[in-house]
């Protein structure tokens, strides 16, 4: 549900934070979509190819992949080459485990297509620890 620029998540974990959103109507696999050394999206077919994910709040459609993507998140965190947070329309248990293992804030399961309502470059605030976990739109580009 959206109320005054606030979108409530059904599933959330992590820490309250603010940052710049990088948004695409595409899925997310830490294993196949990223160049984890350079810190950019690298799969040629991905909507964000060539863009840096470091220090950004990724807002994407759905989690892709399995256990390998969860381990990749942990490996990326160990080298400080990780996004600030991950916001998905649909997460899966493996992505949630990987995010928890990496200490990555994760929100998902909105009652709208979050990739359609948050523009890339927007400043957003996430609070997964709130009574009703939310994403708040602070400003648009």
Protein backbone atom coordinates (compact mmCIF):
# COMPACT_ATOMS: atom_id res chain seq x y z
CA UNK A 1 0.00 0.00 0.00
CA UNK A 2 1.18 3.55 -0.70
CA UNK A 3 0.36 6.44 1.56
CA UNK A 4 2.10 9.85 1.31
CA UNK A 5 5.02 8.44 -0.69
CA UNK A 6 5.38 5.42 1.61
CA UNK A 7 5.25 1.87 0.25
CA UNK A 8 4.83 -0.95 2.76
CA UNK A 9 6.71 -4.20 2.37
CA UNK A 10 5.46 -7.62 3.34
CA UNK A 11 8.93 -9.05 3.91
CA UNK A 12 11.88 -7.11 5.32
CA UNK A 13 15.15 -7.40 7.23
CA UNK A 14 18.17 -5.26 7.92
CA UNK A 15 18.79 -1.69 9.00
CA UNK A 16 17.14 1.66 8.40
CA UNK A 17 19.00 3.61 5.73
CA UNK A 18 18.75 6.23 3.00
CA UNK A 19 20.29 6.26 -0.44
CA UNK A 20 20.00 6.73 -4.16
CA UNK A 21 17.86 4.19 -6.05
CA UNK A 22 18.99 2.29 -9.12
CA UNK A 23 15.78 0.92 -10.67
CA UNK A 24 14.94 -1.50 -13.48
CA UNK A 25 12.14 -3.87 -14.44
CA UNK A 26 14.58 -6.76 -14.49
CA UNK A 27 15.50 -9.60 -12.18
CA UNK A 28 18.56 -9.90 -9.96
CA UNK A 29 21.22 -12.56 -9.74
CA UNK A 30 24.47 -11.68 -7.98
CA UNK A 31 26.11 -14.55 -9.85
CA UNK A 32 25.05 -13.89 -13.44
CA UNK A 33 24.15 -10.19 -13.65
CA UNK A 34 27.19 -8.57 -12.01
CA UNK A 35 30.88 -8.04 -12.53
CA UNK A 36 31.69 -8.37 -8.84
CA UNK A 37 35.26 -7.14 -9.31
CA UNK A 38 34.41 -3.90 -11.16
CA UNK A 39 31.16 -3.29 -9.23
CA UNK A 40 28.88 -2.97 -12.27
CA UNK A 41 26.02 -4.82 -13.93
CA UNK A 42 27.65 -6.84 -16.69
CA UNK A 43 25.13 -9.23 -18.29
CA UNK A 44 24.56 -7.65 -21.72
CA UNK A 45 20.80 -8.33 -21.66
CA UNK A 46 20.28 -6.68 -18.25
CA UNK A 47 18.58 -3.26 -18.26
CA UNK A 48 21.34 -1.84 -16.00
CA UNK A 49 24.37 -3.09 -17.96
CA UNK A 50 27.42 -0.92 -17.32
CA UNK A 51 25.94 0.87 -14.30
CA UNK A 52 27.57 0.69 -10.87
CA UNK A 53 25.62 -0.96 -8.09
CA UNK A 54 28.02 0.06 -5.30
CA UNK A 55 26.43 2.19 -2.61
CA UNK A 56 23.08 2.20 -4.42
CA UNK A 57 19.71 0.86 -3.35
CA UNK A 58 18.82 -1.66 -6.04
CA UNK A 59 15.12 -1.76 -6.87
CA UNK A 60 14.41 -4.67 -9.19
CA UNK A 61 11.66 -7.11 -10.09
CA UNK A 62 12.55 -10.54 -8.73
CA UNK A 63 15.29 -12.65 -7.22
CA UNK A 64 16.95 -15.04 -9.66
CA UNK A 65 19.28 -17.89 -8.95
CA UNK A 66 19.98 -20.17 -6.08
CA UNK A 67 22.59 -20.84 -3.47
CA UNK A 68 25.45 -19.48 -5.59
CA UNK A 69 23.88 -16.01 -5.71
CA UNK A 70 23.54 -16.07 -1.90
CA UNK A 71 27.23 -16.90 -1.51
CA UNK A 72 28.15 -14.20 -4.04
CA UNK A 73 26.43 -11.57 -1.85
CA UNK A 74 28.52 -12.69 1.12
CA UNK A 75 31.71 -12.62 -0.95
CA UNK A 76 30.86 -9.13 -2.25
CA UNK A 77 30.24 -7.87 1.30
CA UNK A 78 33.61 -9.23 2.43
CA UNK A 79 35.25 -6.95 -0.17
CA UNK A 80 32.92 -3.97 0.43
CA UNK A 81 31.61 -4.29 -3.17
CA UNK A 82 27.93 -4.61 -2.31
CA UNK A 83 24.82 -2.52 -2.94
CA UNK A 84 23.52 -0.46 -0.05
CA UNK A 85 20.25 -2.42 -0.03
CA UNK A 86 18.10 -4.66 -2.19
CA UNK A 87 14.40 -3.98 -2.87
CA UNK A 88 12.50 -6.58 -4.89
CA UNK A 89 8.93 -7.09 -5.96
CA UNK A 90 9.50 -10.78 -5.21
CA UNK A 91 12.33 -12.27 -3.18
CA UNK A 92 12.88 -15.96 -2.54
CA UNK A 93 14.18 -17.78 0.55
CA UNK A 94 17.67 -18.19 -0.95
CA UNK A 95 17.99 -14.44 -1.65
CA UNK A 96 16.76 -13.69 1.88
CA UNK A 97 19.36 -16.07 3.34
CA UNK A 98 22.09 -14.54 1.19
CA UNK A 99 21.13 -11.00 2.17
CA UNK A 100 21.07 -11.94 5.86
CA UNK A 101 24.45 -13.69 5.58
CA UNK A 102 25.92 -10.61 3.85
CA UNK A 103 24.32 -8.11 6.26
CA UNK A 104 22.38 -6.59 3.34
CA UNK A 105 19.07 -4.81 3.96
CA UNK A 106 16.26 -6.44 1.94
CA UNK A 107 12.64 -5.41 1.38
CA UNK A 108 10.15 -7.23 -0.83
CA UNK A 109 6.53 -8.22 -1.36
CA UNK A 110 4.90 -4.85 -2.00
CA UNK A 111 1.27 -4.67 -3.13
CA UNK A 112 2.33 -2.72 -6.22
CA UNK A 113 5.10 -3.01 -8.80
CA UNK A 114 7.78 -1.08 -6.90
CA UNK A 115 9.88 -0.76 -10.08
CA UNK A 116 7.03 1.27 -11.65
CA UNK A 117 6.57 3.77 -8.83
CA UNK A 118 10.15 4.62 -7.83
CA UNK A 119 12.24 6.35 -10.53
CA UNK A 120 15.93 5.59 -10.94
CA UNK A 121 17.98 8.29 -9.25
CA UNK A 122 15.37 8.96 -6.55
CA UNK A 123 16.44 9.32 -2.94
CA UNK A 124 14.64 6.78 -0.78
CA UNK A 125 14.53 5.71 2.84
CA UNK A 126 14.07 2.10 3.93
CA UNK A 127 13.08 0.98 7.40
CA UNK A 128 12.81 -2.79 7.60
CA UNK A 129 12.67 -2.69 11.40
CA UNK A 130 9.55 -0.50 11.60
CA UNK A 131 6.31 -2.02 12.85
CA UNK A 132 5.21 -1.89 9.20
CA UNK A 133 8.43 -2.14 7.14
CA UNK A 134 8.48 0.51 4.43
CA UNK A 135 10.22 2.28 1.58
CA UNK A 136 9.68 6.07 1.54
CA UNK A 137 10.25 8.24 -1.52
CA UNK A 138 12.22 11.28 -0.32
CA UNK A 139 12.93 13.07 -3.61
CA UNK A 140 12.92 12.43 -7.34
CA UNK A 141 15.66 13.23 -9.84
